């Protein structure tokens, strides 16, 4: 059974070169660093959030899946909502001290 690759060729109209090969974007997952080597920064933001205060965790190096797992863990332990967007974990509320403490308990020793 032939596998259709038309989705990978979107935005390419036509080529007369017989040796032409379609170049597709390959998203390489970055290797997740061990917990001890992660440089996580916890901060409070209020800007562009409608006046709501949000705790932001930045600096995670690794796969999107593991970042989502960490975000879910923090939201569950804090008992609040939040999201994982653009490589950052957003936790609703001013919970900087609690999030920093939870990250250190989980083994992220280089957290500030």
N, C-alpha and C. Protein backbone atom coordinates (compact mmCIF):
# COMPACT_ATOMS: atom_id res chain seq x y z
N UNK A 1 0.83 -1.18 0.00
CA UNK A 1 0.00 0.00 0.00
C UNK A 1 0.88 1.25 0.00
N UNK A 2 0.69 2.12 -0.97
CA UNK A 2 1.51 3.32 -1.11
C UNK A 2 1.12 4.36 -0.06
N UNK A 3 2.12 4.91 0.55
CA UNK A 3 1.88 5.94 1.55
C UNK A 3 1.86 7.30 0.85
N UNK A 4 0.78 8.03 1.01
CA UNK A 4 0.67 9.35 0.40
C UNK A 4 1.47 10.35 1.19
N UNK A 5 2.29 11.11 0.48
CA UNK A 5 3.09 12.12 1.15
C UNK A 5 2.69 13.53 0.71
N UNK A 6 1.49 13.69 0.22
CA UNK A 6 1.05 14.99 -0.28
C UNK A 6 1.00 16.04 0.82
N UNK A 7 0.77 15.60 2.05
CA UNK A 7 0.73 16.57 3.14
C UNK A 7 2.11 17.17 3.38
N UNK A 8 3.15 16.38 3.13
CA UNK A 8 4.51 16.87 3.31
C UNK A 8 4.93 17.80 2.17
N UNK A 9 4.23 17.72 1.03
CA UNK A 9 4.59 18.52 -0.13
C UNK A 9 3.73 19.77 -0.28
N UNK A 10 2.96 20.11 0.71
CA UNK A 10 2.16 21.32 0.62
C UNK A 10 3.08 22.52 0.41
N UNK A 11 2.61 23.50 -0.30
CA UNK A 11 3.34 24.72 -0.61
C UNK A 11 4.42 24.53 -1.67
N UNK A 12 4.55 23.35 -2.29
CA UNK A 12 5.45 23.14 -3.41
C UNK A 12 4.57 22.91 -4.62
N UNK A 13 4.69 23.79 -5.60
CA UNK A 13 3.79 23.73 -6.74
C UNK A 13 4.27 22.73 -7.78
N UNK A 14 5.50 22.91 -8.28
CA UNK A 14 5.96 22.05 -9.36
C UNK A 14 7.46 22.21 -9.51
N UNK A 15 8.13 21.14 -9.89
CA UNK A 15 9.56 21.20 -10.14
C UNK A 15 9.87 20.44 -11.41
N UNK A 16 10.67 21.02 -12.30
CA UNK A 16 11.07 20.35 -13.54
C UNK A 16 12.38 19.58 -13.38
N UNK A 17 13.02 19.71 -12.26
CA UNK A 17 14.28 19.04 -11.99
C UNK A 17 13.99 17.58 -11.65
N UNK A 18 14.51 16.62 -12.44
CA UNK A 18 14.22 15.21 -12.15
C UNK A 18 14.89 14.71 -10.86
N UNK A 19 15.92 15.40 -10.40
CA UNK A 19 16.61 14.99 -9.17
C UNK A 19 16.11 15.75 -7.94
N UNK A 20 15.04 16.49 -8.10
CA UNK A 20 14.52 17.29 -6.99
C UNK A 20 13.89 16.39 -5.93
N UNK A 21 14.23 16.65 -4.68
CA UNK A 21 13.64 15.94 -3.56
C UNK A 21 13.00 16.98 -2.65
N UNK A 22 11.82 16.68 -2.22
CA UNK A 22 11.12 17.59 -1.32
C UNK A 22 11.81 17.63 0.02
N UNK A 23 12.00 18.84 0.51
CA UNK A 23 12.60 19.01 1.83
C UNK A 23 11.47 19.26 2.81
N UNK A 24 11.34 18.39 3.74
CA UNK A 24 10.30 18.56 4.75
C UNK A 24 10.96 18.94 6.06
N UNK A 25 10.21 19.67 6.87
CA UNK A 25 10.74 20.08 8.16
C UNK A 25 10.68 18.92 9.12
N UNK A 26 11.77 18.68 9.74
CA UNK A 26 11.84 17.62 10.76
C UNK A 26 12.05 18.30 12.09
N UNK A 27 11.10 18.16 12.96
CA UNK A 27 11.23 18.74 14.30
C UNK A 27 11.97 17.74 15.17
N UNK A 28 13.19 18.09 15.49
CA UNK A 28 13.98 17.21 16.35
C UNK A 28 13.70 17.55 17.81
N UNK A 29 13.39 16.53 18.56
CA UNK A 29 13.16 16.73 19.99
C UNK A 29 14.51 16.99 20.66
N UNK A 30 14.53 18.00 21.50
CA UNK A 30 15.75 18.25 22.25
C UNK A 30 15.82 17.24 23.38
N UNK A 31 17.02 16.81 23.65
CA UNK A 31 17.21 15.82 24.70
C UNK A 31 16.94 16.47 26.06
N UNK A 32 16.18 15.78 26.86
CA UNK A 32 15.83 16.30 28.17
C UNK A 32 17.02 16.17 29.11
N UNK A 33 17.38 17.29 29.70
CA UNK A 33 18.48 17.28 30.67
C UNK A 33 18.01 16.65 31.97
N UNK A 34 18.92 16.05 32.74
CA UNK A 34 18.55 15.53 34.06
C UNK A 34 18.04 16.67 34.95
N UNK A 35 17.24 16.31 35.93
CA UNK A 35 16.63 17.30 36.81
C UNK A 35 17.67 18.20 37.48
N UNK A 36 18.82 17.65 37.84
CA UNK A 36 19.84 18.42 38.54
C UNK A 36 20.47 19.49 37.65
N UNK A 37 20.39 19.31 36.32
CA UNK A 37 21.03 20.26 35.40
C UNK A 37 20.06 21.28 34.80
N UNK A 38 18.78 21.16 35.11
CA UNK A 38 17.79 22.10 34.59
C UNK A 38 17.92 23.45 35.30
N UNK A 39 18.01 24.52 34.53
CA UNK A 39 18.06 25.88 35.09
C UNK A 39 16.67 26.49 34.97
N UNK A 40 15.84 26.27 35.96
CA UNK A 40 14.47 26.77 35.93
C UNK A 40 14.39 28.10 36.66
N UNK A 41 13.63 29.03 36.08
CA UNK A 41 13.41 30.34 36.68
C UNK A 41 11.93 30.50 36.96
N UNK A 42 11.60 30.82 38.19
CA UNK A 42 10.21 31.01 38.60
C UNK A 42 10.01 32.51 38.83
N UNK A 43 8.99 33.06 38.18
CA UNK A 43 8.73 34.50 38.32
C UNK A 43 7.23 34.76 38.34
N UNK A 44 6.89 35.98 38.70
CA UNK A 44 5.49 36.41 38.74
C UNK A 44 5.28 37.41 37.61
N UNK A 45 4.20 37.22 36.85
CA UNK A 45 3.87 38.16 35.77
C UNK A 45 2.43 38.60 35.90
N UNK A 46 2.21 39.84 35.53
CA UNK A 46 0.87 40.41 35.58
C UNK A 46 0.54 41.09 34.25
N UNK A 47 1.59 41.37 33.47
CA UNK A 47 1.45 42.10 32.22
C UNK A 47 0.71 41.27 31.17
N UNK A 48 -0.18 41.91 30.44
CA UNK A 48 -0.95 41.30 29.34
C UNK A 48 -1.80 40.11 29.77
N UNK A 49 -2.26 40.11 30.99
CA UNK A 49 -3.08 39.01 31.48
C UNK A 49 -4.38 39.52 32.10
N UNK A 50 -4.79 40.69 31.72
CA UNK A 50 -6.04 41.25 32.22
C UNK A 50 -6.00 41.55 33.70
N UNK A 51 -4.82 41.87 34.23
CA UNK A 51 -4.70 42.19 35.65
C UNK A 51 -4.55 40.98 36.55
N UNK A 52 -4.61 39.79 35.98
CA UNK A 52 -4.47 38.56 36.78
C UNK A 52 -2.99 38.26 37.00
N UNK A 53 -2.67 37.73 38.16
CA UNK A 53 -1.30 37.37 38.50
C UNK A 53 -1.06 35.91 38.12
N UNK A 54 0.09 35.65 37.48
CA UNK A 54 0.43 34.30 37.03
C UNK A 54 1.86 33.99 37.45
N UNK A 55 2.10 32.79 37.94
CA UNK A 55 3.44 32.32 38.23
C UNK A 55 3.96 31.61 36.99
N UNK A 56 5.13 32.01 36.51
CA UNK A 56 5.69 31.48 35.27
C UNK A 56 6.98 30.73 35.57
N UNK A 57 7.08 29.50 35.03
CA UNK A 57 8.30 28.70 35.15
C UNK A 57 8.93 28.65 33.76
N UNK A 58 10.16 29.18 33.64
CA UNK A 58 10.86 29.23 32.36
C UNK A 58 12.16 28.46 32.45
N UNK A 59 12.71 28.11 31.28
CA UNK A 59 14.05 27.53 31.22
C UNK A 59 14.10 26.02 31.15
N UNK A 60 12.98 25.35 30.95
CA UNK A 60 12.99 23.89 30.87
C UNK A 60 13.60 23.47 29.54
N UNK A 61 14.57 22.55 29.58
CA UNK A 61 15.19 22.03 28.38
C UNK A 61 14.81 20.58 28.23
N UNK A 62 14.03 20.29 27.19
CA UNK A 62 13.61 18.91 26.98
C UNK A 62 12.39 18.82 26.09
N UNK A 63 11.77 17.65 26.08
CA UNK A 63 10.64 17.41 25.20
C UNK A 63 9.38 18.11 25.71
N UNK A 64 8.50 18.40 24.78
CA UNK A 64 7.23 19.06 25.10
C UNK A 64 6.39 18.19 26.03
N UNK A 65 6.47 16.88 25.82
CA UNK A 65 5.68 15.95 26.64
C UNK A 65 6.09 15.99 28.10
N UNK A 66 7.40 16.02 28.35
CA UNK A 66 7.88 16.07 29.73
C UNK A 66 7.59 17.42 30.38
N UNK A 67 7.59 18.48 29.58
CA UNK A 67 7.22 19.80 30.09
C UNK A 67 5.75 19.81 30.52
N UNK A 68 4.89 19.18 29.72
CA UNK A 68 3.47 19.09 30.06
C UNK A 68 3.25 18.27 31.33
N UNK A 69 4.03 17.20 31.48
CA UNK A 69 3.93 16.38 32.70
C UNK A 69 4.31 17.19 33.93
N UNK A 70 5.38 17.98 33.82
CA UNK A 70 5.81 18.81 34.94
C UNK A 70 4.76 19.87 35.25
N UNK A 71 4.19 20.46 34.21
CA UNK A 71 3.13 21.45 34.41
C UNK A 71 1.92 20.85 35.10
N UNK A 72 1.54 19.65 34.69
CA UNK A 72 0.40 18.98 35.31
C UNK A 72 0.68 18.69 36.79
N UNK A 73 1.90 18.26 37.08
CA UNK A 73 2.28 17.98 38.46
C UNK A 73 2.17 19.24 39.32
N UNK A 74 2.70 20.35 38.81
CA UNK A 74 2.67 21.60 39.57
C UNK A 74 1.25 22.10 39.78
N UNK A 75 0.42 22.02 38.74
CA UNK A 75 -0.97 22.46 38.88
C UNK A 75 -1.73 21.60 39.89
N UNK A 76 -1.47 20.31 39.87
CA UNK A 76 -2.14 19.40 40.81
C UNK A 76 -1.71 19.67 42.24
N UNK A 77 -0.40 19.80 42.47
CA UNK A 77 0.11 20.02 43.82
C UNK A 77 -0.31 21.37 44.39
N UNK A 78 -0.45 22.38 43.51
CA UNK A 78 -0.86 23.71 43.98
C UNK A 78 -2.37 23.82 44.08
N UNK A 79 -3.09 22.95 43.41
CA UNK A 79 -4.55 22.98 43.46
C UNK A 79 -5.14 24.14 42.68
N UNK A 80 -4.47 24.55 41.61
CA UNK A 80 -4.94 25.66 40.79
C UNK A 80 -4.88 25.28 39.31
N UNK A 81 -5.38 26.16 38.48
CA UNK A 81 -5.33 25.95 37.04
C UNK A 81 -4.05 26.51 36.46
N UNK A 82 -3.91 26.34 35.17
CA UNK A 82 -2.72 26.85 34.51
C UNK A 82 -2.63 26.29 33.11
N UNK A 83 -1.49 26.48 32.48
CA UNK A 83 -1.29 26.01 31.10
C UNK A 83 0.20 25.84 30.84
N UNK A 84 0.49 25.13 29.74
CA UNK A 84 1.86 25.00 29.24
C UNK A 84 1.84 25.57 27.84
N UNK A 85 2.51 26.70 27.64
CA UNK A 85 2.52 27.38 26.35
C UNK A 85 3.93 27.85 26.02
N UNK A 86 4.34 27.63 24.78
CA UNK A 86 5.59 28.17 24.26
C UNK A 86 6.79 27.90 25.17
N UNK A 87 6.87 26.70 25.70
CA UNK A 87 8.01 26.32 26.53
C UNK A 87 7.97 26.87 27.94
N UNK A 88 6.83 27.41 28.36
CA UNK A 88 6.69 27.95 29.71
C UNK A 88 5.52 27.28 30.41
N UNK A 89 5.63 27.17 31.73
CA UNK A 89 4.53 26.66 32.53
C UNK A 89 3.89 27.86 33.23
N UNK A 90 2.58 28.03 33.03
CA UNK A 90 1.84 29.12 33.66
C UNK A 90 0.95 28.54 34.75
N UNK A 91 1.11 29.04 35.97
CA UNK A 91 0.31 28.62 37.11
C UNK A 91 -0.48 29.83 37.59
N UNK A 92 -1.79 29.67 37.72
CA UNK A 92 -2.63 30.81 38.13
C UNK A 92 -2.36 31.17 39.59
N UNK A 93 -2.17 32.47 39.82
CA UNK A 93 -1.98 32.96 41.18
C UNK A 93 -0.53 33.27 41.50
N UNK A 94 -0.35 33.89 42.66
CA UNK A 94 0.98 34.25 43.15
C UNK A 94 1.50 33.12 44.03
N UNK A 95 2.08 32.12 43.40
CA UNK A 95 2.54 30.92 44.12
C UNK A 95 4.03 30.67 43.91
N UNK A 96 4.80 31.74 43.80
CA UNK A 96 6.23 31.60 43.50
C UNK A 96 6.96 30.75 44.54
N UNK A 97 6.75 31.02 45.81
CA UNK A 97 7.44 30.29 46.87
C UNK A 97 7.05 28.81 46.86
N UNK A 98 5.76 28.54 46.72
CA UNK A 98 5.28 27.16 46.73
C UNK A 98 5.80 26.38 45.53
N UNK A 99 5.79 27.01 44.33
CA UNK A 99 6.27 26.34 43.12
C UNK A 99 7.76 26.07 43.22
N UNK A 100 8.52 27.03 43.72
CA UNK A 100 9.97 26.84 43.89
C UNK A 100 10.24 25.69 44.85
N UNK A 101 9.51 25.64 45.95
CA UNK A 101 9.67 24.56 46.93
C UNK A 101 9.32 23.20 46.32
N UNK A 102 8.23 23.13 45.56
CA UNK A 102 7.83 21.87 44.92
C UNK A 102 8.87 21.40 43.91
N UNK A 103 9.41 22.33 43.13
CA UNK A 103 10.43 21.96 42.14
C UNK A 103 11.69 21.41 42.82
N UNK A 104 12.08 22.04 43.93
CA UNK A 104 13.27 21.55 44.65
C UNK A 104 13.02 20.17 45.25
N UNK A 105 11.80 19.91 45.74
CA UNK A 105 11.46 18.59 46.27
C UNK A 105 11.47 17.53 45.18
N UNK A 106 11.12 17.92 43.95
CA UNK A 106 11.11 17.00 42.82
C UNK A 106 12.50 16.72 42.27
N UNK A 107 13.51 17.47 42.73
CA UNK A 107 14.88 17.21 42.30
C UNK A 107 15.46 18.27 41.39
N UNK A 108 14.71 19.33 41.11
CA UNK A 108 15.22 20.42 40.29
C UNK A 108 15.98 21.38 41.22
N UNK A 109 17.25 21.07 41.47
CA UNK A 109 18.02 21.77 42.48
C UNK A 109 18.49 23.14 42.04
N UNK A 110 18.56 23.40 40.74
CA UNK A 110 19.04 24.69 40.23
C UNK A 110 17.88 25.62 39.91
N UNK A 111 16.92 25.69 40.80
CA UNK A 111 15.74 26.51 40.59
C UNK A 111 15.86 27.81 41.37
N UNK A 112 15.53 28.91 40.72
CA UNK A 112 15.57 30.22 41.38
C UNK A 112 14.25 30.92 41.18
